[in-house]
Amino acid sequence: MKFYSIFLFILLLASCKYFDVKKTSSEAILNNELKTFNWNAVDEYPSFIKCDSLSAKEDRKNCFQHILTNHVWAFLKNKNLVVTRDINDTLMLQFIVTKNGILELTDIEIDSTTKQEITNIKELLLKSLDSLPKIYPAIKRGQQVTTTFKLPVIINAE
């Protein structure tokens, strides 16, 4: 019996090392999390209320882009712009959607011909954004975040 007691005691001492807990500082956890964090992706893209019924992330993104593009295009179409030359241009609009859902146009890439034919194109584009429906900002880890994106708008005028 004495042999079993000594064996059990040695077994308990040897197994205690399996219960050692490795201490990790909060800084180490944060640094590890920041290394694995994808800063260029969001969990949910900015959205309009019409897009909320869609469940797939990519479908919601496409819905947002479609509504925004159609809104700008319809605004320009209603202005009955008169041009002297045919225009077939793709404008690249760069936006920021703030974490408060405010859309800001930060840059516009416009061909020189389009600028000559429609001299107030920038003002028209800015004005077209005034009547947009409410925008819901992008979500990252449950928090509303500011995002940037580019959106092509095709201009065809004859």
N, C-alpha and C. Protein backbone atom coordinates (compact mmCIF):
# COMPACT_ATOMS: atom_id res chain seq x y z
N MET A 1 0.82 -1.18 0.00
CA MET A 1 0.00 0.00 0.00
C MET A 1 0.87 1.26 0.00
N LYS A 2 2.00 1.18 0.75
CA LYS A 2 2.92 2.30 0.80
C LYS A 2 3.46 2.62 -0.59
N PHE A 3 3.71 1.59 -1.37
CA PHE A 3 4.20 1.77 -2.74
C PHE A 3 3.18 2.54 -3.59
N TYR A 4 1.89 2.18 -3.43
CA TYR A 4 0.84 2.87 -4.20
C TYR A 4 0.71 4.32 -3.78
N SER A 5 0.90 4.60 -2.52
CA SER A 5 0.81 5.98 -2.02
C SER A 5 1.94 6.84 -2.60
N ILE A 6 3.14 6.28 -2.62
CA ILE A 6 4.27 7.01 -3.17
C ILE A 6 4.07 7.21 -4.68
N PHE A 7 3.61 6.19 -5.35
CA PHE A 7 3.36 6.29 -6.80
C PHE A 7 2.29 7.34 -7.09
N LEU A 8 1.22 7.37 -6.31
CA LEU A 8 0.15 8.34 -6.49
C LEU A 8 0.66 9.75 -6.22
N PHE A 9 1.51 9.92 -5.20
CA PHE A 9 2.08 11.22 -4.86
C PHE A 9 2.97 11.73 -6.00
N ILE A 10 3.79 10.87 -6.54
CA ILE A 10 4.67 11.26 -7.66
C ILE A 10 3.83 11.61 -8.89
N LEU A 11 2.79 10.83 -9.13
CA LEU A 11 1.91 11.09 -10.28
C LEU A 11 1.23 12.45 -10.14
N LEU A 12 0.78 12.79 -8.95
CA LEU A 12 0.15 14.09 -8.73
C LEU A 12 1.13 15.23 -8.93
N LEU A 13 2.36 15.08 -8.44
CA LEU A 13 3.37 16.12 -8.63
C LEU A 13 3.70 16.32 -10.10
N ALA A 14 3.80 15.23 -10.82
CA ALA A 14 4.15 15.32 -12.23
C ALA A 14 3.01 15.92 -13.04
N SER A 15 1.78 15.69 -12.67
CA SER A 15 0.65 16.19 -13.45
C SER A 15 0.32 17.64 -13.15
N CYS A 16 0.88 18.21 -12.10
CA CYS A 16 0.59 19.61 -11.77
C CYS A 16 1.06 20.57 -12.86
N LYS A 17 2.08 20.18 -13.59
CA LYS A 17 2.56 21.08 -14.64
C LYS A 17 1.52 21.28 -15.74
N TYR A 18 0.55 20.36 -15.86
CA TYR A 18 -0.49 20.51 -16.87
C TYR A 18 -1.51 21.57 -16.49
N PHE A 19 -1.49 21.96 -15.21
CA PHE A 19 -2.44 22.97 -14.75
C PHE A 19 -1.83 24.36 -14.69
N ASP A 20 -0.59 24.48 -15.10
CA ASP A 20 0.05 25.79 -15.14
C ASP A 20 -0.66 26.65 -16.19
N VAL A 21 -0.97 27.87 -15.81
CA VAL A 21 -1.63 28.80 -16.72
C VAL A 21 -0.60 29.81 -17.19
N LYS A 22 -0.54 29.97 -18.45
CA LYS A 22 0.41 30.91 -19.03
C LYS A 22 -0.22 32.30 -18.98
N LYS A 23 0.44 33.23 -18.34
CA LYS A 23 -0.09 34.58 -18.23
C LYS A 23 0.23 35.34 -19.51
N THR A 24 -0.78 36.08 -20.01
CA THR A 24 -0.61 36.87 -21.21
C THR A 24 -1.07 38.29 -20.89
N SER A 25 -0.27 39.24 -21.25
CA SER A 25 -0.63 40.63 -20.96
C SER A 25 -1.70 41.10 -21.95
N SER A 26 -2.40 42.14 -21.55
CA SER A 26 -3.44 42.70 -22.43
C SER A 26 -2.80 43.30 -23.68
N GLU A 27 -1.59 43.82 -23.55
CA GLU A 27 -0.90 44.38 -24.72
C GLU A 27 -0.57 43.29 -25.74
N ALA A 28 -0.17 42.12 -25.24
CA ALA A 28 0.14 41.01 -26.13
C ALA A 28 -1.11 40.55 -26.87
N ILE A 29 -2.22 40.50 -26.15
CA ILE A 29 -3.49 40.11 -26.79
C ILE A 29 -3.88 41.13 -27.84
N LEU A 30 -3.76 42.41 -27.50
CA LEU A 30 -4.10 43.47 -28.45
C LEU A 30 -3.20 43.42 -29.68
N ASN A 31 -1.90 43.26 -29.48
CA ASN A 31 -0.98 43.18 -30.62
C ASN A 31 -1.28 41.99 -31.51
N ASN A 32 -1.61 40.87 -30.91
CA ASN A 32 -1.96 39.68 -31.68
C ASN A 32 -3.24 39.91 -32.48
N GLU A 33 -4.22 40.56 -31.86
CA GLU A 33 -5.48 40.85 -32.53
C GLU A 33 -5.28 41.83 -33.68
N LEU A 34 -4.45 42.84 -33.47
CA LEU A 34 -4.20 43.82 -34.52
C LEU A 34 -3.49 43.22 -35.73
N LYS A 35 -2.67 42.20 -35.50
CA LYS A 35 -1.99 41.53 -36.60
C LYS A 35 -2.96 40.75 -37.48
N THR A 36 -3.98 40.19 -36.88
CA THR A 36 -4.94 39.37 -37.63
C THR A 36 -6.12 40.19 -38.13
N PHE A 37 -6.23 41.43 -37.75
CA PHE A 37 -7.36 42.29 -38.10
C PHE A 37 -7.23 42.78 -39.53
N ASN A 38 -8.26 42.60 -40.34
CA ASN A 38 -8.25 43.08 -41.72
C ASN A 38 -8.84 44.49 -41.75
N TRP A 39 -7.97 45.47 -41.93
CA TRP A 39 -8.39 46.87 -41.89
C TRP A 39 -9.11 47.29 -43.18
N ASN A 40 -8.99 46.51 -44.24
CA ASN A 40 -9.55 46.92 -45.54
C ASN A 40 -10.92 46.32 -45.83
N ALA A 41 -11.47 45.57 -44.92
CA ALA A 41 -12.77 44.94 -45.15
C ALA A 41 -13.74 45.33 -44.04
N VAL A 42 -15.00 45.41 -44.39
CA VAL A 42 -16.05 45.69 -43.42
C VAL A 42 -16.98 44.49 -43.35
N ASP A 43 -17.69 44.38 -42.24
CA ASP A 43 -18.66 43.29 -42.10
C ASP A 43 -19.92 43.57 -42.91
N GLU A 44 -20.33 44.85 -42.94
CA GLU A 44 -21.48 45.27 -43.74
C GLU A 44 -21.13 46.57 -44.44
N TYR A 45 -21.46 46.65 -45.73
CA TYR A 45 -21.20 47.85 -46.51
C TYR A 45 -22.23 48.92 -46.18
N PRO A 46 -21.95 50.18 -46.54
CA PRO A 46 -22.99 51.20 -46.38
C PRO A 46 -24.25 50.76 -47.12
N SER A 47 -25.38 51.26 -46.66
CA SER A 47 -26.62 50.75 -47.21
C SER A 47 -27.72 51.80 -47.21
N PHE A 48 -28.67 51.61 -48.12
CA PHE A 48 -29.92 52.35 -48.10
C PHE A 48 -30.99 51.42 -47.54
N ILE A 49 -32.10 51.97 -47.11
CA ILE A 49 -33.15 51.15 -46.51
C ILE A 49 -33.71 50.13 -47.50
N LYS A 50 -33.68 50.45 -48.80
CA LYS A 50 -34.17 49.51 -49.81
C LYS A 50 -33.30 48.26 -49.90
N CYS A 51 -32.06 48.35 -49.44
CA CYS A 51 -31.13 47.22 -49.52
C CYS A 51 -31.17 46.34 -48.27
N ASP A 52 -31.89 46.76 -47.25
CA ASP A 52 -31.89 46.02 -45.98
C ASP A 52 -32.50 44.64 -46.09
N SER A 53 -33.37 44.43 -47.05
CA SER A 53 -34.02 43.12 -47.18
C SER A 53 -33.08 42.06 -47.76
N LEU A 54 -31.98 42.48 -48.34
CA LEU A 54 -31.02 41.54 -48.91
C LEU A 54 -30.11 41.01 -47.80
N SER A 55 -29.84 39.71 -47.86
CA SER A 55 -29.05 39.12 -46.78
C SER A 55 -27.58 38.96 -47.13
N ALA A 56 -27.26 38.73 -48.38
CA ALA A 56 -25.87 38.50 -48.77
C ALA A 56 -25.11 39.83 -48.80
N LYS A 57 -23.90 39.80 -48.28
CA LYS A 57 -23.06 40.99 -48.19
C LYS A 57 -22.82 41.62 -49.56
N GLU A 58 -22.50 40.80 -50.54
CA GLU A 58 -22.20 41.29 -51.89
C GLU A 58 -23.46 41.87 -52.55
N ASP A 59 -24.63 41.27 -52.29
CA ASP A 59 -25.88 41.79 -52.84
C ASP A 59 -26.20 43.17 -52.27
N ARG A 60 -25.95 43.35 -50.97
CA ARG A 60 -26.20 44.65 -50.35
C ARG A 60 -25.25 45.71 -50.92
N LYS A 61 -24.00 45.32 -51.16
CA LYS A 61 -23.03 46.25 -51.75
C LYS A 61 -23.49 46.66 -53.15
N ASN A 62 -23.88 45.68 -53.96
CA ASN A 62 -24.35 45.97 -55.32
C ASN A 62 -25.60 46.84 -55.30
N CYS A 63 -26.49 46.58 -54.37
CA CYS A 63 -27.72 47.37 -54.24
C CYS A 63 -27.38 48.82 -53.93
N PHE A 64 -26.46 49.03 -52.99
CA PHE A 64 -26.04 50.39 -52.62
C PHE A 64 -25.46 51.11 -53.83
N GLN A 65 -24.56 50.46 -54.54
CA GLN A 65 -23.93 51.07 -55.71
C GLN A 65 -24.95 51.35 -56.80
N HIS A 66 -25.87 50.43 -57.00
CA HIS A 66 -26.90 50.59 -58.03
C HIS A 66 -27.80 51.79 -57.73
N ILE A 67 -28.25 51.90 -56.50
CA ILE A 67 -29.13 53.02 -56.13
C ILE A 67 -28.39 54.35 -56.26
N LEU A 68 -27.17 54.39 -55.80
CA LEU A 68 -26.39 55.63 -55.88
C LEU A 68 -26.12 56.03 -57.33
N THR A 69 -25.70 55.07 -58.14
CA THR A 69 -25.43 55.35 -59.56
C THR A 69 -26.69 55.81 -60.28
N ASN A 70 -27.79 55.11 -60.07
CA ASN A 70 -29.05 55.48 -60.73
C ASN A 70 -29.55 56.85 -60.28
N HIS A 71 -29.34 57.16 -59.02
CA HIS A 71 -29.76 58.47 -58.51
C HIS A 71 -28.99 59.60 -59.20
N VAL A 72 -27.69 59.45 -59.29
CA VAL A 72 -26.86 60.48 -59.95
C VAL A 72 -27.21 60.55 -61.43
N TRP A 73 -27.34 59.41 -62.07
CA TRP A 73 -27.65 59.39 -63.50
C TRP A 73 -29.01 60.03 -63.78
N ALA A 74 -30.03 59.71 -62.97
CA ALA A 74 -31.37 60.28 -63.16
C ALA A 74 -31.35 61.79 -62.95
N PHE A 75 -30.60 62.25 -61.98
CA PHE A 75 -30.50 63.69 -61.74
C PHE A 75 -29.91 64.40 -62.96
N LEU A 76 -28.80 63.85 -63.49
CA LEU A 76 -28.17 64.46 -64.66
C LEU A 76 -29.08 64.39 -65.89
N LYS A 77 -29.82 63.30 -66.02
CA LYS A 77 -30.73 63.14 -67.16
C LYS A 77 -31.84 64.19 -67.12
N ASN A 78 -32.33 64.50 -65.95
CA ASN A 78 -33.41 65.49 -65.81
C ASN A 78 -32.95 66.91 -66.06
N LYS A 79 -31.66 67.16 -66.10
CA LYS A 79 -31.14 68.50 -66.34
C LYS A 79 -31.14 68.87 -67.82
N ASN A 80 -31.41 67.93 -68.71
CA ASN A 80 -31.45 68.20 -70.14
C ASN A 80 -30.23 69.00 -70.60
N LEU A 81 -29.09 68.43 -70.38
CA LEU A 81 -27.83 69.08 -70.73
C LEU A 81 -27.67 69.12 -72.25
N VAL A 82 -27.19 70.23 -72.77
CA VAL A 82 -26.97 70.40 -74.20
C VAL A 82 -25.45 70.40 -74.44
N VAL A 83 -25.03 69.54 -75.37
CA VAL A 83 -23.61 69.45 -75.70
C VAL A 83 -23.42 69.63 -77.20
N THR A 84 -22.23 70.08 -77.59
CA THR A 84 -21.95 70.29 -79.02
C THR A 84 -21.25 69.08 -79.63
N ARG A 85 -20.66 68.23 -78.80
CA ARG A 85 -20.00 67.01 -79.26
C ARG A 85 -20.54 65.82 -78.48
N ASP A 86 -20.43 64.66 -79.10
CA ASP A 86 -20.83 63.44 -78.40
C ASP A 86 -19.90 63.19 -77.22
N ILE A 87 -20.49 62.75 -76.14
CA ILE A 87 -19.71 62.42 -74.95
C ILE A 87 -19.98 60.97 -74.59
N ASN A 88 -18.91 60.23 -74.45
CA ASN A 88 -18.98 58.85 -73.95
C ASN A 88 -17.86 58.71 -72.94
N ASP A 89 -18.18 58.98 -71.68
CA ASP A 89 -17.16 59.05 -70.65
C ASP A 89 -17.62 58.29 -69.42
N THR A 90 -16.65 57.77 -68.70
CA THR A 90 -16.93 57.15 -67.41
C THR A 90 -16.27 58.01 -66.34
N LEU A 91 -17.11 58.63 -65.53
CA LEU A 91 -16.61 59.44 -64.43
C LEU A 91 -16.32 58.52 -63.25
N MET A 92 -15.21 58.74 -62.60
CA MET A 92 -14.89 57.97 -61.38
C MET A 92 -15.10 58.91 -60.19
N LEU A 93 -16.11 58.60 -59.41
CA LEU A 93 -16.42 59.41 -58.24
C LEU A 93 -15.86 58.71 -57.01
N GLN A 94 -15.11 59.43 -56.21
CA GLN A 94 -14.59 58.86 -54.98
C GLN A 94 -15.37 59.47 -53.81
N PHE A 95 -15.88 58.58 -52.95
CA PHE A 95 -16.73 58.98 -51.85
C PHE A 95 -16.16 58.55 -50.51
N ILE A 96 -16.65 59.23 -49.49
CA ILE A 96 -16.50 58.80 -48.11
C ILE A 96 -17.90 58.73 -47.53
N VAL A 97 -18.21 57.64 -46.86
CA VAL A 97 -19.44 57.56 -46.07
C VAL A 97 -18.97 57.54 -44.62
N THR A 98 -19.28 58.60 -43.89
CA THR A 98 -18.82 58.71 -42.51
C THR A 98 -19.56 57.73 -41.62
N LYS A 99 -19.06 57.56 -40.41
CA LYS A 99 -19.71 56.66 -39.47
C LYS A 99 -21.07 57.20 -39.03
N ASN A 100 -21.38 58.44 -39.39
CA ASN A 100 -22.69 59.02 -39.10
C ASN A 100 -23.63 58.92 -40.30
N GLY A 101 -23.18 58.29 -41.40
CA GLY A 101 -24.01 58.11 -42.57
C GLY A 101 -24.04 59.30 -43.50
N ILE A 102 -23.03 60.15 -43.43
CA ILE A 102 -22.96 61.33 -44.31
C ILE A 102 -22.06 60.98 -45.49
N LEU A 103 -22.61 61.20 -46.69
CA LEU A 103 -21.87 60.92 -47.93
C LEU A 103 -21.15 62.18 -48.38
N GLU A 104 -19.84 62.06 -48.59
CA GLU A 104 -19.03 63.18 -49.06
C GLU A 104 -18.31 62.78 -50.33
N LEU A 105 -18.42 63.61 -51.34
CA LEU A 105 -17.71 63.40 -52.60
C LEU A 105 -16.32 64.00 -52.43
N THR A 106 -15.28 63.18 -52.50
CA THR A 106 -13.92 63.66 -52.24
C THR A 106 -13.12 63.92 -53.50
N ASP A 107 -13.42 63.22 -54.59
CA ASP A 107 -12.66 63.41 -55.82
C ASP A 107 -13.49 62.96 -57.02
N ILE A 108 -13.27 63.60 -58.15
CA ILE A 108 -13.94 63.24 -59.39
C ILE A 108 -12.90 63.18 -60.50
N GLU A 109 -12.86 62.04 -61.19
CA GLU A 109 -11.99 61.90 -62.36
C GLU A 109 -12.86 62.09 -63.60
N ILE A 110 -12.60 63.19 -64.32
CA ILE A 110 -13.42 63.55 -65.48
C ILE A 110 -12.50 63.79 -66.67
N ASP A 111 -12.90 63.29 -67.81
CA ASP A 111 -12.18 63.53 -69.06
C ASP A 111 -12.28 65.01 -69.42
N SER A 112 -11.26 65.53 -70.07
CA SER A 112 -11.22 66.95 -70.42
C SER A 112 -12.35 67.34 -71.38
N THR A 113 -12.73 66.42 -72.26
CA THR A 113 -13.84 66.71 -73.19
C THR A 113 -15.14 66.92 -72.43
N THR A 114 -15.37 66.09 -71.45
CA THR A 114 -16.58 66.21 -70.64
C THR A 114 -16.57 67.52 -69.87
N LYS A 115 -15.42 67.91 -69.34
CA LYS A 115 -15.31 69.18 -68.61
C LYS A 115 -15.61 70.36 -69.53
N GLN A 116 -15.15 70.29 -70.80
CA GLN A 116 -15.39 71.38 -71.74
C GLN A 116 -16.86 71.46 -72.14
N GLU A 117 -17.47 70.32 -72.35
CA GLU A 117 -18.87 70.30 -72.80
C GLU A 117 -19.86 70.60 -71.68
N ILE A 118 -19.58 70.09 -70.49
CA ILE A 118 -20.47 70.32 -69.35
C ILE A 118 -19.62 71.00 -68.27
N THR A 119 -19.53 72.32 -68.38
CA THR A 119 -18.61 73.06 -67.51
C THR A 119 -18.98 72.99 -66.03
N ASN A 120 -20.24 72.80 -65.73
CA ASN A 120 -20.68 72.76 -64.34
C ASN A 120 -20.93 71.33 -63.85
N ILE A 121 -20.23 70.36 -64.42
CA ILE A 121 -20.47 68.95 -64.09
C ILE A 121 -20.21 68.66 -62.61
N LYS A 122 -19.18 69.26 -62.04
CA LYS A 122 -18.88 69.02 -60.63
C LYS A 122 -20.00 69.54 -59.73
N GLU A 123 -20.50 70.72 -60.03
CA GLU A 123 -21.59 71.29 -59.23
C GLU A 123 -22.85 70.44 -59.36
N LEU A 124 -23.12 69.95 -60.58
CA LEU A 124 -24.29 69.09 -60.78
C LEU A 124 -24.17 67.79 -60.00
N LEU A 125 -22.98 67.21 -60.01
CA LEU A 125 -22.77 65.96 -59.27
C LEU A 125 -22.96 66.18 -57.77
N LEU A 126 -22.42 67.27 -57.26
CA LEU A 126 -22.60 67.57 -55.84
C LEU A 126 -24.06 67.81 -55.50
N LYS A 127 -24.76 68.50 -56.37
CA LYS A 127 -26.18 68.78 -56.14
C LYS A 127 -27.02 67.50 -56.20
N SER A 128 -26.61 66.56 -57.04
CA SER A 128 -27.38 65.31 -57.16
C SER A 128 -27.35 64.51 -55.85
N LEU A 129 -26.31 64.70 -55.07
CA LEU A 129 -26.18 63.95 -53.81
C LEU A 129 -27.03 64.53 -52.69
N ASP A 130 -27.52 65.76 -52.87
CA ASP A 130 -28.32 66.40 -51.82
C ASP A 130 -29.64 65.69 -51.57
N SER A 131 -30.19 65.07 -52.58
CA SER A 131 -31.52 64.47 -52.45
C SER A 131 -31.48 62.95 -52.27
N LEU A 132 -30.33 62.42 -51.88
CA LEU A 132 -30.22 60.98 -51.64
C LEU A 132 -31.03 60.57 -50.41
N PRO A 133 -31.58 59.36 -50.43
CA PRO A 133 -32.22 58.87 -49.20
C PRO A 133 -31.19 58.65 -48.10
N LYS A 134 -31.66 58.42 -46.89
CA LYS A 134 -30.77 58.21 -45.73
C LYS A 134 -29.83 57.04 -45.99
N ILE A 135 -28.56 57.25 -45.65
CA ILE A 135 -27.53 56.22 -45.81
C ILE A 135 -27.17 55.68 -44.43
N TYR A 136 -27.11 54.37 -44.35
CA TYR A 136 -26.67 53.71 -43.13
C TYR A 136 -25.20 53.35 -43.31
N PRO A 137 -24.35 53.75 -42.35
CA PRO A 137 -22.91 53.55 -42.53
C PRO A 137 -22.50 52.08 -42.49
N ALA A 138 -21.26 51.85 -42.90
CA ALA A 138 -20.70 50.50 -42.87
C ALA A 138 -20.51 50.06 -41.42
N ILE A 139 -20.49 48.73 -41.24
CA ILE A 139 -20.33 48.15 -39.91
C ILE A 139 -19.08 47.28 -39.89
N LYS A 140 -18.28 47.45 -38.86
CA LYS A 140 -17.10 46.61 -38.64
C LYS A 140 -17.12 46.21 -37.18
N ARG A 141 -17.24 44.91 -36.94
CA ARG A 141 -17.27 44.38 -35.58
C ARG A 141 -18.32 45.05 -34.71
N GLY A 142 -19.48 45.27 -35.29
CA GLY A 142 -20.60 45.84 -34.54
C GLY A 142 -20.55 47.35 -34.37
N GLN A 143 -19.53 48.01 -34.92
CA GLN A 143 -19.39 49.45 -34.79
C GLN A 143 -19.56 50.12 -36.15
N GLN A 144 -20.20 51.28 -36.15
CA GLN A 144 -20.30 52.05 -37.39
C GLN A 144 -18.94 52.66 -37.69
N VAL A 145 -18.52 52.53 -38.95
CA VAL A 145 -17.19 53.01 -39.35
C VAL A 145 -17.29 53.85 -40.62
N THR A 146 -16.28 54.68 -40.82
CA THR A 146 -16.16 55.49 -42.02
C THR A 146 -15.52 54.64 -43.12
N THR A 147 -16.05 54.71 -44.33
CA THR A 147 -15.51 53.95 -45.45
C THR A 147 -15.30 54.86 -46.65
N THR A 148 -14.39 54.44 -47.51
CA THR A 148 -14.17 55.14 -48.77
C THR A 148 -14.38 54.15 -49.91
N PHE A 149 -14.85 54.65 -51.02
CA PHE A 149 -15.04 53.79 -52.19
C PHE A 149 -15.11 54.64 -53.44
N LYS A 150 -14.88 53.98 -54.58
CA LYS A 150 -14.99 54.64 -55.89
C LYS A 150 -16.19 54.07 -56.60
N LEU A 151 -16.84 54.93 -57.37
CA LEU A 151 -18.03 54.52 -58.10
C LEU A 151 -17.97 55.08 -59.51
N PRO A 152 -18.05 54.21 -60.52
CA PRO A 152 -18.07 54.72 -61.90
C PRO A 152 -19.47 55.17 -62.31
N VAL A 153 -19.53 56.28 -63.00
CA VAL A 153 -20.81 56.77 -63.55
C VAL A 153 -20.57 57.01 -65.04
N ILE A 154 -21.36 56.35 -65.87
CA ILE A 154 -21.19 56.46 -67.33
C ILE A 154 -22.05 57.60 -67.85
N ILE A 155 -21.43 58.47 -68.63
CA ILE A 155 -22.11 59.61 -69.26
C ILE A 155 -22.10 59.38 -70.76
N ASN A 156 -23.30 59.29 -71.34
CA ASN A 156 -23.45 59.20 -72.79
C ASN A 156 -24.35 60.35 -73.24
N ALA A 157 -23.83 61.21 -74.06
CA ALA A 157 -24.61 62.33 -74.56
C ALA A 157 -24.33 62.50 -76.04
N GLU A 158 -25.40 62.74 -76.78
CA GLU A 158 -25.26 62.93 -78.22
C GLU A 158 -25.81 64.27 -78.62
